[in-house]
Amino acid sequence: MGHEIAEAIIENGQIKYVNKKLPWGKLKVHIIYDSMEETNPETDIEKIVRETMGIYRDIDVESEAKKLRMSWERDVQN
């Protein structure tokens, strides 16, 4: 069984537009649509911060950042 893709506009449960002619008879279809809901990135960030807070409590951030930057540099003497 092959697959074909047609774009359509469905409004209030009724097909209003299809971009190409469909074959006669009964069609089994999968409907994939764009939802209007968007996730709030700030909510996701707050959740991640809450879950990971305190994991690296005793780390010297400036020292670790310096080590990381130095590892990216070429020919750097430690």
PDB file of N, CA and C in Angstrom:
ATOM      1  N   MET A   1       0.842  -1.171   0.000  1.00  0.00           N
ATOM      2  CA  MET A   1       0.000   0.000   0.000  1.00  0.00           C
ATOM      3  C   MET A   1       0.889   1.237   0.000  1.00  0.00           C
ATOM      4  N   GLY A   2       0.647   2.110  -0.951  1.00  0.00           N
ATOM      5  CA  GLY A   2       1.403   3.351  -1.029  1.00  0.00           C
ATOM      6  C   GLY A   2       0.728   4.457  -0.235  1.00  0.00           C
ATOM      7  N   HIS A   3       1.434   5.549  -0.092  1.00  0.00           N
ATOM      8  CA  HIS A   3       0.903   6.703   0.630  1.00  0.00           C
ATOM      9  C   HIS A   3       0.978   7.929  -0.273  1.00  0.00           C
ATOM     10  N   GLU A   4      -0.051   8.722  -0.226  1.00  0.00           N
ATOM     11  CA  GLU A   4      -0.096   9.996  -0.926  1.00  0.00           C
ATOM     12  C   GLU A   4      -0.395  11.079   0.100  1.00  0.00           C
ATOM     13  N   ILE A   5       0.084  12.271  -0.150  1.00  0.00           N
ATOM     14  CA  ILE A   5      -0.179  13.385   0.757  1.00  0.00           C
ATOM     15  C   ILE A   5      -0.992  14.439   0.028  1.00  0.00           C
ATOM     16  N   ALA A   6      -2.077  14.850   0.646  1.00  0.00           N
ATOM     17  CA  ALA A   6      -2.896  15.941   0.128  1.00  0.00           C
ATOM     18  C   ALA A   6      -3.093  16.930   1.262  1.00  0.00           C
ATOM     19  N   GLU A   7      -3.032  18.194   0.945  1.00  0.00           N
ATOM     20  CA  GLU A   7      -3.295  19.216   1.956  1.00  0.00           C
ATOM     21  C   GLU A   7      -4.757  19.620   1.856  1.00  0.00           C
ATOM     22  N   ALA A   8      -5.381  19.789   3.010  1.00  0.00           N
ATOM     23  CA  ALA A   8      -6.799  20.130   3.027  1.00  0.00           C
ATOM     24  C   ALA A   8      -7.071  21.148   4.118  1.00  0.00           C
ATOM     25  N   ILE A   9      -8.187  21.827   3.955  1.00  0.00           N
ATOM     26  CA  ILE A   9      -8.678  22.714   5.004  1.00  0.00           C
ATOM     27  C   ILE A   9      -9.987  22.112   5.496  1.00  0.00           C
ATOM     28  N   ILE A  10     -10.041  21.837   6.793  1.00  0.00           N
ATOM     29  CA  ILE A  10     -11.247  21.291   7.414  1.00  0.00           C
ATOM     30  C   ILE A  10     -11.763  22.346   8.368  1.00  0.00           C
ATOM     31  N   GLU A  11     -13.018  22.703   8.200  1.00  0.00           N
ATOM     32  CA  GLU A  11     -13.614  23.727   9.048  1.00  0.00           C
ATOM     33  C   GLU A  11     -14.885  23.175   9.668  1.00  0.00           C
ATOM     34  N   ASN A  12     -14.951  23.214  10.995  1.00  0.00           N
ATOM     35  CA  ASN A  12     -16.107  22.688  11.725  1.00  0.00           C
ATOM     36  C   ASN A  12     -16.423  21.249  11.321  1.00  0.00           C
ATOM     37  N   GLY A  13     -15.391  20.437  11.146  1.00  0.00           N
ATOM     38  CA  GLY A  13     -15.568  19.024  10.836  1.00  0.00           C
ATOM     39  C   GLY A  13     -15.888  18.725   9.382  1.00  0.00           C
ATOM     40  N   GLN A  14     -15.926  19.728   8.523  1.00  0.00           N
ATOM     41  CA  GLN A  14     -16.250  19.530   7.104  1.00  0.00           C
ATOM     42  C   GLN A  14     -15.055  19.913   6.246  1.00  0.00           C
ATOM     43  N   ILE A  15     -14.759  19.082   5.231  1.00  0.00           N
ATOM     44  CA  ILE A  15     -13.663  19.401   4.312  1.00  0.00           C
ATOM     45  C   ILE A  15     -14.101  20.560   3.432  1.00  0.00           C
ATOM     46  N   LYS A  16     -13.328  21.657   3.481  1.00  0.00           N
ATOM     47  CA  LYS A  16     -13.657  22.848   2.693  1.00  0.00           C
ATOM     48  C   LYS A  16     -12.777  22.971   1.452  1.00  0.00           C
ATOM     49  N   TYR A  17     -11.567  22.398   1.491  1.00  0.00           N
ATOM     50  CA  TYR A  17     -10.642  22.536   0.372  1.00  0.00           C
ATOM     51  C   TYR A  17      -9.657  21.374   0.405  1.00  0.00           C
ATOM     52  N   VAL A  18      -9.347  20.808  -0.763  1.00  0.00           N
ATOM     53  CA  VAL A  18      -8.289  19.806  -0.908  1.00  0.00           C
ATOM     54  C   VAL A  18      -7.454  20.234  -2.102  1.00  0.00           C
ATOM     55  N   ASN A  19      -6.117  20.175  -1.966  1.00  0.00           N
ATOM     56  CA  ASN A  19      -5.244  20.719  -3.011  1.00  0.00           C
ATOM     57  C   ASN A  19      -5.093  19.823  -4.231  1.00  0.00           C
ATOM     58  N   LYS A  20      -5.667  18.616  -4.222  1.00  0.00           N
ATOM     59  CA  LYS A  20      -5.633  17.769  -5.414  1.00  0.00           C
ATOM     60  C   LYS A  20      -6.822  16.830  -5.421  1.00  0.00           C
ATOM     61  N   LYS A  21      -7.079  16.248  -6.561  1.00  0.00           N
ATOM     62  CA  LYS A  21      -8.218  15.352  -6.699  1.00  0.00           C
ATOM     63  C   LYS A  21      -7.947  14.059  -5.938  1.00  0.00           C
ATOM     64  N   LEU A  22      -8.940  13.623  -5.176  1.00  0.00           N
ATOM     65  CA  LEU A  22      -8.831  12.385  -4.419  1.00  0.00           C
ATOM     66  C   LEU A  22      -9.494  11.245  -5.187  1.00  0.00           C
ATOM     67  N   PRO A  23      -9.033  10.014  -4.963  1.00  0.00           N
ATOM     68  CA  PRO A  23      -9.652   8.888  -5.671  1.00  0.00           C
ATOM     69  C   PRO A  23     -11.081   8.631  -5.163  1.00  0.00           C
ATOM     70  N   TRP A  24     -11.890   7.976  -5.992  1.00  0.00           N
ATOM     71  CA  TRP A  24     -13.266   7.650  -5.618  1.00  0.00           C
ATOM     72  C   TRP A  24     -13.268   6.555  -4.573  1.00  0.00           C
ATOM     73  N   GLY A  25     -14.342   6.463  -3.882  1.00  0.00           N
ATOM     74  CA  GLY A  25     -14.510   5.402  -2.898  1.00  0.00           C
ATOM     75  C   GLY A  25     -14.161   5.879  -1.496  1.00  0.00           C
ATOM     76  N   LYS A  26     -14.045   4.920  -0.614  1.00  0.00           N
ATOM     77  CA  LYS A  26     -13.762   5.207   0.787  1.00  0.00           C
ATOM     78  C   LYS A  26     -12.259   5.330   0.984  1.00  0.00           C
ATOM     79  N   LEU A  27     -11.822   6.336   1.738  1.00  0.00           N
ATOM     80  CA  LEU A  27     -10.410   6.543   2.031  1.00  0.00           C
ATOM     81  C   LEU A  27     -10.168   6.394   3.532  1.00  0.00           C
ATOM     82  N   LYS A  28      -9.120   5.668   3.877  1.00  0.00           N
ATOM     83  CA  LYS A  28      -8.671   5.632   5.269  1.00  0.00           C
ATOM     84  C   LYS A  28      -7.560   6.670   5.366  1.00  0.00           C
ATOM     85  N   VAL A  29      -7.704   7.606   6.291  1.00  0.00           N
ATOM     86  CA  VAL A  29      -6.746   8.710   6.368  1.00  0.00           C
ATOM     87  C   VAL A  29      -6.221   8.882   7.787  1.00  0.00           C
ATOM     88  N   HIS A  30      -5.073   9.522   7.899  1.00  0.00           N
ATOM     89  CA  HIS A  30      -4.516   9.976   9.164  1.00  0.00           C
ATOM     90  C   HIS A  30      -4.516  11.493   9.084  1.00  0.00           C
ATOM     91  N   ILE A  31      -5.090  12.136  10.049  1.00  0.00           N
ATOM     92  CA  ILE A  31      -5.139  13.595  10.037  1.00  0.00           C
ATOM     93  C   ILE A  31      -4.094  14.120  11.018  1.00  0.00           C
ATOM     94  N   ILE A  32      -3.182  14.900  10.496  1.00  0.00           N
ATOM     95  CA  ILE A  32      -2.153  15.544  11.304  1.00  0.00           C
ATOM     96  C   ILE A  32      -2.372  17.045  11.151  1.00  0.00           C
ATOM     97  N   TYR A  33      -2.486  17.736  12.271  1.00  0.00           N
ATOM     98  CA  TYR A  33      -2.782  19.165  12.172  1.00  0.00           C
ATOM     99  C   TYR A  33      -1.905  19.974  13.116  1.00  0.00           C
ATOM    100  N   ASP A  34      -1.776  21.254  12.820  1.00  0.00           N
ATOM    101  CA  ASP A  34      -1.023  22.184  13.652  1.00  0.00           C
ATOM    102  C   ASP A  34      -1.941  22.653  14.776  1.00  0.00           C
ATOM    103  N   SER A  35      -1.498  22.470  16.003  1.00  0.00           N
ATOM    104  CA  SER A  35      -2.308  22.934  17.119  1.00  0.00           C
ATOM    105  C   SER A  35      -2.000  24.401  17.376  1.00  0.00           C
ATOM    106  N   MET A  36      -2.953  25.090  17.920  1.00  0.00           N
ATOM    107  CA  MET A  36      -2.775  26.508  18.211  1.00  0.00           C
ATOM    108  C   MET A  36      -2.112  26.708  19.562  1.00  0.00           C
ATOM    109  N   GLU A  37      -2.049  25.648  20.366  1.00  0.00           N
ATOM    110  CA  GLU A  37      -1.456  25.762  21.691  1.00  0.00           C
ATOM    111  C   GLU A  37       0.055  25.792  21.574  1.00  0.00           C
ATOM    112  N   GLU A  38       0.659  26.678  22.320  1.00  0.00           N
ATOM    113  CA  GLU A  38       2.106  26.768  22.361  1.00  0.00           C
ATOM    114  C   GLU A  38       2.549  26.562  23.794  1.00  0.00           C
ATOM    115  N   THR A  39       3.691  25.901  23.959  1.00  0.00           N
ATOM    116  CA  THR A  39       4.205  25.753  25.316  1.00  0.00           C
ATOM    117  C   THR A  39       4.880  27.049  25.709  1.00  0.00           C
ATOM    118  N   ASN A  40       4.789  27.377  26.956  1.00  0.00           N
ATOM    119  CA  ASN A  40       5.408  28.586  27.474  1.00  0.00           C
ATOM    120  C   ASN A  40       6.842  28.248  27.870  1.00  0.00           C
ATOM    121  N   PRO A  41       7.851  28.738  27.141  1.00  0.00           N
ATOM    122  CA  PRO A  41       9.230  28.377  27.447  1.00  0.00           C
ATOM    123  C   PRO A  41       9.648  28.761  28.866  1.00  0.00           C
ATOM    124  N   GLU A  42       9.107  29.848  29.410  1.00  0.00           N
ATOM    125  CA  GLU A  42       9.474  30.248  30.765  1.00  0.00           C
ATOM    126  C   GLU A  42       9.008  29.207  31.773  1.00  0.00           C
ATOM    127  N   THR A  43       7.837  28.632  31.550  1.00  0.00           N
ATOM    128  CA  THR A  43       7.337  27.594  32.443  1.00  0.00           C
ATOM    129  C   THR A  43       8.252  26.382  32.379  1.00  0.00           C
ATOM    130  N   ASP A  44       8.709  26.005  31.177  1.00  0.00           N
ATOM    131  CA  ASP A  44       9.623  24.885  31.022  1.00  0.00           C
ATOM    132  C   ASP A  44      10.943  25.158  31.726  1.00  0.00           C
ATOM    133  N   ILE A  45      11.455  26.358  31.602  1.00  0.00           N
ATOM    134  CA  ILE A  45      12.721  26.727  32.240  1.00  0.00           C
ATOM    135  C   ILE A  45      12.581  26.672  33.755  1.00  0.00           C
ATOM    136  N   GLU A  46      11.475  27.217  34.272  1.00  0.00           N
ATOM    137  CA  GLU A  46      11.255  27.190  35.717  1.00  0.00           C
ATOM    138  C   GLU A  46      11.195  25.752  36.228  1.00  0.00           C
ATOM    139  N   LYS A  47      10.572  24.870  35.472  1.00  0.00           N
ATOM    140  CA  LYS A  47      10.469  23.460  35.861  1.00  0.00           C
ATOM    141  C   LYS A  47      11.856  22.816  35.900  1.00  0.00           C
ATOM    142  N   ILE A  48      12.677  23.086  34.894  1.00  0.00           N
ATOM    143  CA  ILE A  48      14.023  22.524  34.836  1.00  0.00           C
ATOM    144  C   ILE A  48      14.862  23.043  36.003  1.00  0.00           C
ATOM    145  N   VAL A  49      14.769  24.331  36.280  1.00  0.00           N
ATOM    146  CA  VAL A  49      15.535  24.911  37.383  1.00  0.00           C
ATOM    147  C   VAL A  49      15.113  24.284  38.702  1.00  0.00           C
ATOM    148  N   ARG A  50      13.809  24.126  38.912  1.00  0.00           N
ATOM    149  CA  ARG A  50      13.319  23.511  40.143  1.00  0.00           C
ATOM    150  C   ARG A  50      13.842  22.087  40.308  1.00  0.00           C
ATOM    151  N   GLU A  51      13.842  21.311  39.202  1.00  0.00           N
ATOM    152  CA  GLU A  51      14.269  19.917  39.263  1.00  0.00           C
ATOM    153  C   GLU A  51      15.768  19.773  39.479  1.00  0.00           C
ATOM    154  N   THR A  52      16.564  20.705  38.972  1.00  0.00           N
ATOM    155  CA  THR A  52      18.015  20.559  39.037  1.00  0.00           C
ATOM    156  C   THR A  52      18.670  21.441  40.101  1.00  0.00           C
ATOM    157  N   MET A  53      17.894  22.241  40.795  1.00  0.00           N
ATOM    158  CA  MET A  53      18.435  23.169  41.779  1.00  0.00           C
ATOM    159  C   MET A  53      19.191  22.410  42.877  1.00  0.00           C
ATOM    160  N   GLY A  54      20.404  22.840  43.143  1.00  0.00           N
ATOM    161  CA  GLY A  54      21.171  22.253  44.224  1.00  0.00           C
ATOM    162  C   GLY A  54      22.068  21.101  43.818  1.00  0.00           C
ATOM    163  N   ILE A  55      22.019  20.662  42.571  1.00  0.00           N
ATOM    164  CA  ILE A  55      22.852  19.538  42.142  1.00  0.00           C
ATOM    165  C   ILE A  55      24.330  19.916  42.208  1.00  0.00           C
ATOM    166  N   TYR A  56      24.677  21.117  41.774  1.00  0.00           N
ATOM    167  CA  TYR A  56      26.077  21.564  41.734  1.00  0.00           C
ATOM    168  C   TYR A  56      26.325  22.638  42.792  1.00  0.00           C
ATOM    169  N   ARG A  57      25.910  22.395  43.981  1.00  0.00           N
ATOM    170  CA  ARG A  57      25.947  23.395  45.040  1.00  0.00           C
ATOM    171  C   ARG A  57      27.354  23.899  45.355  1.00  0.00           C
ATOM    172  N   ASP A  58      28.366  23.013  45.376  1.00  0.00           N
ATOM    173  CA  ASP A  58      29.708  23.387  45.827  1.00  0.00           C
ATOM    174  C   ASP A  58      30.686  23.640  44.682  1.00  0.00           C
ATOM    175  N   ILE A  59      30.208  23.969  43.506  1.00  0.00           N
ATOM    176  CA  ILE A  59      31.068  24.177  42.337  1.00  0.00           C
ATOM    177  C   ILE A  59      31.437  25.657  42.247  1.00  0.00           C
ATOM    178  N   ASP A  60      32.703  25.928  41.950  1.00  0.00           N
ATOM    179  CA  ASP A  60      33.153  27.295  41.686  1.00  0.00           C
ATOM    180  C   ASP A  60      32.889  27.579  40.206  1.00  0.00           C
ATOM    181  N   VAL A  61      31.846  28.296  39.928  1.00  0.00           N
ATOM    182  CA  VAL A  61      31.385  28.514  38.561  1.00  0.00           C
ATOM    183  C   VAL A  61      32.440  29.217  37.715  1.00  0.00           C
ATOM    184  N   GLU A  62      33.059  30.244  38.238  1.00  0.00           N
ATOM    185  CA  GLU A  62      34.054  31.004  37.462  1.00  0.00           C
ATOM    186  C   GLU A  62      35.243  30.129  37.104  1.00  0.00           C
ATOM    187  N   SER A  63      35.711  29.334  38.035  1.00  0.00           N
ATOM    188  CA  SER A  63      36.847  28.447  37.790  1.00  0.00           C
ATOM    189  C   SER A  63      36.500  27.389  36.740  1.00  0.00           C
ATOM    190  N   GLU A  64      35.324  26.806  36.864  1.00  0.00           N
ATOM    191  CA  GLU A  64      34.898  25.782  35.900  1.00  0.00           C
ATOM    192  C   GLU A  64      34.728  26.382  34.507  1.00  0.00           C
ATOM    193  N   ALA A  65      34.184  27.590  34.422  1.00  0.00           N
ATOM    194  CA  ALA A  65      34.007  28.253  33.129  1.00  0.00           C
ATOM    195  C   ALA A  65      35.356  28.536  32.494  1.00  0.00           C
ATOM    196  N   LYS A  66      36.326  28.969  33.310  1.00  0.00           N
ATOM    197  CA  LYS A  66      37.672  29.263  32.801  1.00  0.00           C
ATOM    198  C   LYS A  66      38.322  27.985  32.268  1.00  0.00           C
ATOM    199  N   LYS A  67      38.216  26.881  33.018  1.00  0.00           N
ATOM    200  CA  LYS A  67      38.770  25.599  32.569  1.00  0.00           C
ATOM    201  C   LYS A  67      38.137  25.159  31.252  1.00  0.00           C
ATOM    202  N   LEU A  68      36.837  25.322  31.152  1.00  0.00           N
ATOM    203  CA  LEU A  68      36.125  24.925  29.938  1.00  0.00           C
ATOM    204  C   LEU A  68      36.572  25.757  28.752  1.00  0.00           C
ATOM    205  N   ARG A  69      36.675  27.087  28.936  1.00  0.00           N
ATOM    206  CA  ARG A  69      37.124  27.950  27.840  1.00  0.00           C
ATOM    207  C   ARG A  69      38.538  27.600  27.424  1.00  0.00           C
ATOM    208  N   MET A  70      39.399  27.325  28.398  1.00  0.00           N
ATOM    209  CA  MET A  70      40.781  26.976  28.083  1.00  0.00           C
ATOM    210  C   MET A  70      40.854  25.660  27.307  1.00  0.00           C
ATOM    211  N   SER A  71      39.958  24.720  27.593  1.00  0.00           N
ATOM    212  CA  SER A  71      39.981  23.446  26.872  1.00  0.00           C
ATOM    213  C   SER A  71      39.561  23.632  25.415  1.00  0.00           C
ATOM    214  N   TRP A  72      38.835  24.710  25.130  1.00  0.00           N
ATOM    215  CA  TRP A  72      38.432  24.982  23.754  1.00  0.00           C
ATOM    216  C   TRP A  72      39.564  25.628  22.952  1.00  0.00           C
ATOM    217  N   GLU A  73      40.465  26.317  23.622  1.00  0.00           N
ATOM    218  CA  GLU A  73      41.556  27.030  22.959  1.00  0.00           C
ATOM    219  C   GLU A  73      42.628  26.057  22.490  1.00  0.00           C
ATOM    220  N   ARG A  74      43.284  26.381  21.398  1.00  0.00           N
ATOM    221  CA  ARG A  74      44.387  25.577  20.911  1.00  0.00           C
ATOM    222  C   ARG A  74      45.703  26.116  21.463  1.00  0.00           C
ATOM    223  N   ASP A  75      46.633  25.216  21.702  1.00  0.00           N
ATOM    224  CA  ASP A  75      47.975  25.578  22.165  1.00  0.00           C
ATOM    225  C   ASP A  75      47.979  26.418  23.430  1.00  0.00           C
ATOM    226  N   VAL A  76      47.090  26.119  24.346  1.00  0.00           N
ATOM    227  CA  VAL A  76      47.028  26.863  25.597  1.00  0.00           C
ATOM    228  C   VAL A  76      47.813  26.076  26.640  1.00  0.00           C
ATOM    229  N   GLN A  77      48.668  26.794  27.353  1.00  0.00           N
ATOM    230  CA  GLN A  77      49.463  26.177  28.428  1.00  0.00           C
ATOM    231  C   GLN A  77      48.690  26.270  29.724  1.00  0.00           C
ATOM    232  N   ASN A  78      48.572  25.174  30.452  1.00  0.00           N
ATOM    233  CA  ASN A  78      47.879  25.172  31.754  1.00  0.00           C
ATOM    234  C   ASN A  78      48.803  25.603  32.854  1.00  0.00           C
TER     235      ASN A  78
END
